[in-house]
């Protein structure tokens, strides 16, 4: 954890109401995928995944 805290390339975000609201339309995905996908939308970042369902969801993905 100390390496993560010292890293300038890692940002730890709280799970707040904004991210929870972004999870609502993702109800067909498992909870952990919903959190990751909603967070990616919140920070406008692509996900690195080969999960075809996530690629087909409209979330920006690479790989």
PDB file of N, CA and C in Angstrom:
ATOM      1  N   UNK A   1       0.808  -1.185   0.000  1.00  0.00           N
ATOM      2  CA  UNK A   1       0.000   0.000   0.000  1.00  0.00           C
ATOM      3  C   UNK A   1       0.858   1.259   0.000  1.00  0.00           C
ATOM      4  N   UNK A   2       1.997   1.204   0.640  1.00  0.00           N
ATOM      5  CA  UNK A   2       2.826   2.416   0.673  1.00  0.00           C
ATOM      6  C   UNK A   2       3.345   2.756  -0.724  1.00  0.00           C
ATOM      7  N   UNK A   3       3.634   1.748  -1.543  1.00  0.00           N
ATOM      8  CA  UNK A   3       4.052   2.020  -2.928  1.00  0.00           C
ATOM      9  C   UNK A   3       2.924   2.669  -3.709  1.00  0.00           C
ATOM     10  N   UNK A   4       1.724   2.213  -3.514  1.00  0.00           N
ATOM     11  CA  UNK A   4       0.572   2.803  -4.187  1.00  0.00           C
ATOM     12  C   UNK A   4       0.406   4.251  -3.745  1.00  0.00           C
ATOM     13  N   UNK A   5       0.510   4.491  -2.446  1.00  0.00           N
ATOM     14  CA  UNK A   5       0.343   5.852  -1.922  1.00  0.00           C
ATOM     15  C   UNK A   5       1.423   6.806  -2.424  1.00  0.00           C
ATOM     16  N   UNK A   6       2.627   6.298  -2.659  1.00  0.00           N
ATOM     17  CA  UNK A   6       3.730   7.143  -3.129  1.00  0.00           C
ATOM     18  C   UNK A   6       3.725   7.328  -4.638  1.00  0.00           C
ATOM     19  N   UNK A   7       3.013   6.499  -5.351  1.00  0.00           N
ATOM     20  CA  UNK A   7       3.026   6.541  -6.802  1.00  0.00           C
ATOM     21  C   UNK A   7       2.330   7.790  -7.337  1.00  0.00           C
ATOM     22  N   UNK A   8       2.966   8.415  -8.304  1.00  0.00           N
ATOM     23  CA  UNK A   8       2.324   9.566  -8.950  1.00  0.00           C
ATOM     24  C   UNK A   8       1.440   9.127 -10.120  1.00  0.00           C
ATOM     25  N   UNK A   9       1.473   7.854 -10.478  1.00  0.00           N
ATOM     26  CA  UNK A   9       0.692   7.376 -11.618  1.00  0.00           C
ATOM     27  C   UNK A   9      -0.555   6.598 -11.198  1.00  0.00           C
ATOM     28  N   UNK A  10      -0.790   6.470  -9.900  1.00  0.00           N
ATOM     29  CA  UNK A  10      -1.969   5.757  -9.412  1.00  0.00           C
ATOM     30  C   UNK A  10      -2.815   6.729  -8.604  1.00  0.00           C
ATOM     31  N   UNK A  11      -4.099   6.762  -8.922  1.00  0.00           N
ATOM     32  CA  UNK A  11      -5.042   7.599  -8.191  1.00  0.00           C
ATOM     33  C   UNK A  11      -6.069   6.678  -7.536  1.00  0.00           C
ATOM     34  N   UNK A  12      -6.237   6.804  -6.247  1.00  0.00           N
ATOM     35  CA  UNK A  12      -7.232   6.034  -5.519  1.00  0.00           C
ATOM     36  C   UNK A  12      -8.447   6.934  -5.314  1.00  0.00           C
ATOM     37  N   UNK A  13      -9.587   6.484  -5.823  1.00  0.00           N
ATOM     38  CA  UNK A  13     -10.813   7.272  -5.731  1.00  0.00           C
ATOM     39  C   UNK A  13     -11.773   6.633  -4.741  1.00  0.00           C
ATOM     40  N   UNK A  14     -12.511   7.452  -4.007  1.00  0.00           N
ATOM     41  CA  UNK A  14     -13.543   6.887  -3.129  1.00  0.00           C
ATOM     42  C   UNK A  14     -14.739   6.431  -3.964  1.00  0.00           C
ATOM     43  N   UNK A  15     -15.444   5.465  -3.439  1.00  0.00           N
ATOM     44  CA  UNK A  15     -16.678   5.011  -4.083  1.00  0.00           C
ATOM     45  C   UNK A  15     -17.792   5.920  -3.588  1.00  0.00           C
ATOM     46  N   UNK A  16     -18.044   6.990  -4.324  1.00  0.00           N
ATOM     47  CA  UNK A  16     -19.050   7.969  -3.931  1.00  0.00           C
ATOM     48  C   UNK A  16     -20.327   7.812  -4.720  1.00  0.00           C
ATOM     49  N   UNK A  17     -21.268   8.681  -4.431  1.00  0.00           N
ATOM     50  CA  UNK A  17     -22.584   8.608  -5.074  1.00  0.00           C
ATOM     51  C   UNK A  17     -22.522   8.805  -6.586  1.00  0.00           C
ATOM     52  N   UNK A  18     -21.592   9.598  -7.069  1.00  0.00           N
ATOM     53  CA  UNK A  18     -21.490   9.800  -8.515  1.00  0.00           C
ATOM     54  C   UNK A  18     -21.177   8.484  -9.211  1.00  0.00           C
ATOM     55  N   UNK A  19     -20.208   7.754  -8.695  1.00  0.00           N
ATOM     56  CA  UNK A  19     -19.844   6.463  -9.296  1.00  0.00           C
ATOM     57  C   UNK A  19     -20.981   5.466  -9.111  1.00  0.00           C
ATOM     58  N   UNK A  20     -21.603   5.462  -7.947  1.00  0.00           N
ATOM     59  CA  UNK A  20     -22.733   4.551  -7.722  1.00  0.00           C
ATOM     60  C   UNK A  20     -23.850   4.828  -8.726  1.00  0.00           C
ATOM     61  N   UNK A  21     -24.135   6.092  -9.001  1.00  0.00           N
ATOM     62  CA  UNK A  21     -25.174   6.420  -9.996  1.00  0.00           C
ATOM     63  C   UNK A  21     -24.785   5.939 -11.396  1.00  0.00           C
ATOM     64  N   UNK A  22     -23.488   6.017 -11.717  1.00  0.00           N
ATOM     65  CA  UNK A  22     -23.025   5.539 -13.026  1.00  0.00           C
ATOM     66  C   UNK A  22     -23.117   4.017 -13.136  1.00  0.00           C
ATOM     67  N   UNK A  23     -23.209   3.330 -12.012  1.00  0.00           N
ATOM     68  CA  UNK A  23     -23.333   1.869 -12.003  1.00  0.00           C
ATOM     69  C   UNK A  23     -24.745   1.412 -12.345  1.00  0.00           C
ATOM     70  N   UNK A  24     -25.735   2.259 -12.130  1.00  0.00           N
ATOM     71  CA  UNK A  24     -27.141   1.844 -12.277  1.00  0.00           C
ATOM     72  C   UNK A  24     -27.455   1.255 -13.647  1.00  0.00           C
ATOM     73  N   UNK A  25     -27.052   1.881 -14.754  1.00  0.00           N
ATOM     74  CA  UNK A  25     -27.393   1.287 -16.052  1.00  0.00           C
ATOM     75  C   UNK A  25     -26.579   0.035 -16.388  1.00  0.00           C
ATOM     76  N   UNK A  26     -25.643  -0.331 -15.552  1.00  0.00           N
ATOM     77  CA  UNK A  26     -24.788  -1.491 -15.814  1.00  0.00           C
ATOM     78  C   UNK A  26     -25.271  -2.717 -15.050  1.00  0.00           C
ATOM     79  N   UNK A  27     -26.568  -2.797 -14.780  1.00  0.00           N
ATOM     80  CA  UNK A  27     -27.116  -3.845 -13.913  1.00  0.00           C
ATOM     81  C   UNK A  27     -26.920  -5.264 -14.421  1.00  0.00           C
ATOM     82  N   UNK A  28     -26.599  -5.444 -15.688  1.00  0.00           N
ATOM     83  CA  UNK A  28     -26.416  -6.790 -16.230  1.00  0.00           C
ATOM     84  C   UNK A  28     -25.012  -7.339 -16.002  1.00  0.00           C
ATOM     85  N   UNK A  29     -24.155  -6.567 -15.336  1.00  0.00           N
ATOM     86  CA  UNK A  29     -22.779  -6.982 -15.069  1.00  0.00           C
ATOM     87  C   UNK A  29     -22.612  -7.322 -13.592  1.00  0.00           C
ATOM     88  N   UNK A  30     -21.583  -8.119 -13.277  1.00  0.00           N
ATOM     89  CA  UNK A  30     -21.269  -8.433 -11.892  1.00  0.00           C
ATOM     90  C   UNK A  30     -20.857  -7.153 -11.165  1.00  0.00           C
ATOM     91  N   UNK A  31     -21.042  -7.140  -9.859  1.00  0.00           N
ATOM     92  CA  UNK A  31     -20.819  -5.939  -9.062  1.00  0.00           C
ATOM     93  C   UNK A  31     -19.420  -5.362  -9.255  1.00  0.00           C
ATOM     94  N   UNK A  32     -18.386  -6.190  -9.197  1.00  0.00           N
ATOM     95  CA  UNK A  32     -17.023  -5.649  -9.323  1.00  0.00           C
ATOM     96  C   UNK A  32     -16.800  -5.046 -10.707  1.00  0.00           C
ATOM     97  N   UNK A  33     -17.366  -5.635 -11.747  1.00  0.00           N
ATOM     98  CA  UNK A  33     -17.247  -5.064 -13.093  1.00  0.00           C
ATOM     99  C   UNK A  33     -17.984  -3.730 -13.172  1.00  0.00           C
ATOM    100  N   UNK A  34     -19.133  -3.636 -12.518  1.00  0.00           N
ATOM    101  CA  UNK A  34     -19.900  -2.386 -12.520  1.00  0.00           C
ATOM    102  C   UNK A  34     -19.108  -1.260 -11.873  1.00  0.00           C
ATOM    103  N   UNK A  35     -18.445  -1.561 -10.757  1.00  0.00           N
ATOM    104  CA  UNK A  35     -17.640  -0.537 -10.068  1.00  0.00           C
ATOM    105  C   UNK A  35     -16.503  -0.076 -10.976  1.00  0.00           C
ATOM    106  N   UNK A  36     -15.808  -1.020 -11.594  1.00  0.00           N
ATOM    107  CA  UNK A  36     -14.677  -0.690 -12.466  1.00  0.00           C
ATOM    108  C   UNK A  36     -15.147   0.095 -13.687  1.00  0.00           C
ATOM    109  N   UNK A  37     -16.221  -0.344 -14.309  1.00  0.00           N
ATOM    110  CA  UNK A  37     -16.728   0.322 -15.508  1.00  0.00           C
ATOM    111  C   UNK A  37     -17.218   1.738 -15.188  1.00  0.00           C
ATOM    112  N   UNK A  38     -17.952   1.891 -14.094  1.00  0.00           N
ATOM    113  CA  UNK A  38     -18.461   3.207 -13.714  1.00  0.00           C
ATOM    114  C   UNK A  38     -17.323   4.155 -13.369  1.00  0.00           C
ATOM    115  N   UNK A  39     -16.292   3.641 -12.717  1.00  0.00           N
ATOM    116  CA  UNK A  39     -15.143   4.472 -12.375  1.00  0.00           C
ATOM    117  C   UNK A  39     -14.417   4.916 -13.638  1.00  0.00           C
ATOM    118  N   UNK A  40     -14.291   4.030 -14.602  1.00  0.00           N
ATOM    119  CA  UNK A  40     -13.658   4.395 -15.874  1.00  0.00           C
ATOM    120  C   UNK A  40     -14.447   5.510 -16.559  1.00  0.00           C
ATOM    121  N   UNK A  41     -15.752   5.418 -16.537  1.00  0.00           N
ATOM    122  CA  UNK A  41     -16.576   6.483 -17.121  1.00  0.00           C
ATOM    123  C   UNK A  41     -16.390   7.784 -16.354  1.00  0.00           C
ATOM    124  N   UNK A  42     -16.337   7.700 -15.043  1.00  0.00           N
ATOM    125  CA  UNK A  42     -16.203   8.882 -14.198  1.00  0.00           C
ATOM    126  C   UNK A  42     -14.919   9.646 -14.498  1.00  0.00           C
ATOM    127  N   UNK A  43     -13.816   8.929 -14.699  1.00  0.00           N
ATOM    128  CA  UNK A  43     -12.527   9.592 -14.957  1.00  0.00           C
ATOM    129  C   UNK A  43     -12.236   9.699 -16.449  1.00  0.00           C
ATOM    130  N   UNK A  44     -13.186   9.238 -17.286  1.00  0.00           N
ATOM    131  CA  UNK A  44     -13.031   9.282 -18.737  1.00  0.00           C
ATOM    132  C   UNK A  44     -11.749   8.580 -19.189  1.00  0.00           C
ATOM    133  N   UNK A  45     -11.570   7.368 -18.702  1.00  0.00           N
ATOM    134  CA  UNK A  45     -10.388   6.574 -19.028  1.00  0.00           C
ATOM    135  C   UNK A  45     -10.818   5.245 -19.647  1.00  0.00           C
ATOM    136  N   UNK A  46     -10.036   4.731 -20.592  1.00  0.00           N
ATOM    137  CA  UNK A  46     -10.361   3.423 -21.154  1.00  0.00           C
ATOM    138  C   UNK A  46      -9.982   2.303 -20.192  1.00  0.00           C
ATOM    139  N   UNK A  47     -10.686   1.198 -20.309  1.00  0.00           N
ATOM    140  CA  UNK A  47     -10.346   0.009 -19.531  1.00  0.00           C
ATOM    141  C   UNK A  47      -9.417  -0.876 -20.346  1.00  0.00           C
ATOM    142  N   UNK A  48      -8.499  -1.503 -19.676  1.00  0.00           N
ATOM    143  CA  UNK A  48      -7.650  -2.501 -20.301  1.00  0.00           C
ATOM    144  C   UNK A  48      -8.287  -3.850 -19.980  1.00  0.00           C
ATOM    145  N   UNK A  49      -8.966  -4.417 -20.962  1.00  0.00           N
ATOM    146  CA  UNK A  49      -9.668  -5.679 -20.754  1.00  0.00           C
ATOM    147  C   UNK A  49      -9.843  -6.399 -22.079  1.00  0.00           C
ATOM    148  N   UNK A  50      -9.945  -7.686 -21.984  1.00  0.00           N
ATOM    149  CA  UNK A  50     -10.310  -8.457 -23.178  1.00  0.00           C
ATOM    150  C   UNK A  50     -11.727  -9.023 -23.040  1.00  0.00           C
ATOM    151  N   UNK A  51     -12.440  -8.600 -22.011  1.00  0.00           N
ATOM    152  CA  UNK A  51     -13.805  -9.049 -21.766  1.00  0.00           C
ATOM    153  C   UNK A  51     -14.717  -8.520 -22.878  1.00  0.00           C
ATOM    154  N   UNK A  52     -15.233  -9.414 -23.675  1.00  0.00           N
ATOM    155  CA  UNK A  52     -16.035  -9.043 -24.836  1.00  0.00           C
ATOM    156  C   UNK A  52     -17.321  -8.318 -24.444  1.00  0.00           C
ATOM    157  N   UNK A  53     -17.925  -8.732 -23.334  1.00  0.00           N
ATOM    158  CA  UNK A  53     -19.157  -8.063 -22.874  1.00  0.00           C
ATOM    159  C   UNK A  53     -18.893  -6.608 -22.526  1.00  0.00           C
ATOM    160  N   UNK A  54     -17.759  -6.346 -21.892  1.00  0.00           N
ATOM    161  CA  UNK A  54     -17.423  -4.969 -21.542  1.00  0.00           C
ATOM    162  C   UNK A  54     -17.123  -4.177 -22.804  1.00  0.00           C
ATOM    163  N   UNK A  55     -16.411  -4.776 -23.760  1.00  0.00           N
ATOM    164  CA  UNK A  55     -16.140  -4.107 -25.040  1.00  0.00           C
ATOM    165  C   UNK A  55     -17.450  -3.738 -25.742  1.00  0.00           C
ATOM    166  N   UNK A  56     -18.444  -4.601 -25.663  1.00  0.00           N
ATOM    167  CA  UNK A  56     -19.720  -4.372 -26.337  1.00  0.00           C
ATOM    168  C   UNK A  56     -20.668  -3.453 -25.558  1.00  0.00           C
ATOM    169  N   UNK A  57     -20.251  -3.032 -24.372  1.00  0.00           N
ATOM    170  CA  UNK A  57     -21.129  -2.221 -23.522  1.00  0.00           C
ATOM    171  C   UNK A  57     -21.111  -0.736 -23.857  1.00  0.00           C
ATOM    172  N   UNK A  58     -20.148  -0.311 -24.663  1.00  0.00           N
ATOM    173  CA  UNK A  58     -20.021   1.103 -24.954  1.00  0.00           C
ATOM    174  C   UNK A  58     -18.953   1.791 -24.132  1.00  0.00           C
ATOM    175  N   UNK A  59     -18.382   1.095 -23.158  1.00  0.00           N
ATOM    176  CA  UNK A  59     -17.271   1.625 -22.376  1.00  0.00           C
ATOM    177  C   UNK A  59     -16.035   1.630 -23.273  1.00  0.00           C
ATOM    178  N   UNK A  60     -15.254   2.701 -23.200  1.00  0.00           N
ATOM    179  CA  UNK A  60     -13.998   2.746 -23.978  1.00  0.00           C
ATOM    180  C   UNK A  60     -13.051   1.675 -23.431  1.00  0.00           C
ATOM    181  N   UNK A  61     -12.533   0.846 -24.337  1.00  0.00           N
ATOM    182  CA  UNK A  61     -11.629  -0.233 -23.939  1.00  0.00           C
ATOM    183  C   UNK A  61     -10.430  -0.285 -24.881  1.00  0.00           C
ATOM    184  N   UNK A  62      -9.354  -0.811 -24.349  1.00  0.00           N
ATOM    185  CA  UNK A  62      -8.185  -1.145 -25.168  1.00  0.00           C
ATOM    186  C   UNK A  62      -7.851  -2.596 -24.873  1.00  0.00           C
ATOM    187  N   UNK A  63      -7.286  -3.242 -25.900  1.00  0.00           N
ATOM    188  CA  UNK A  63      -6.794  -4.617 -25.873  1.00  0.00           C
ATOM    189  C   UNK A  63      -7.677  -5.492 -26.628  1.00  0.00           C
TER     190      UNK A  63
END
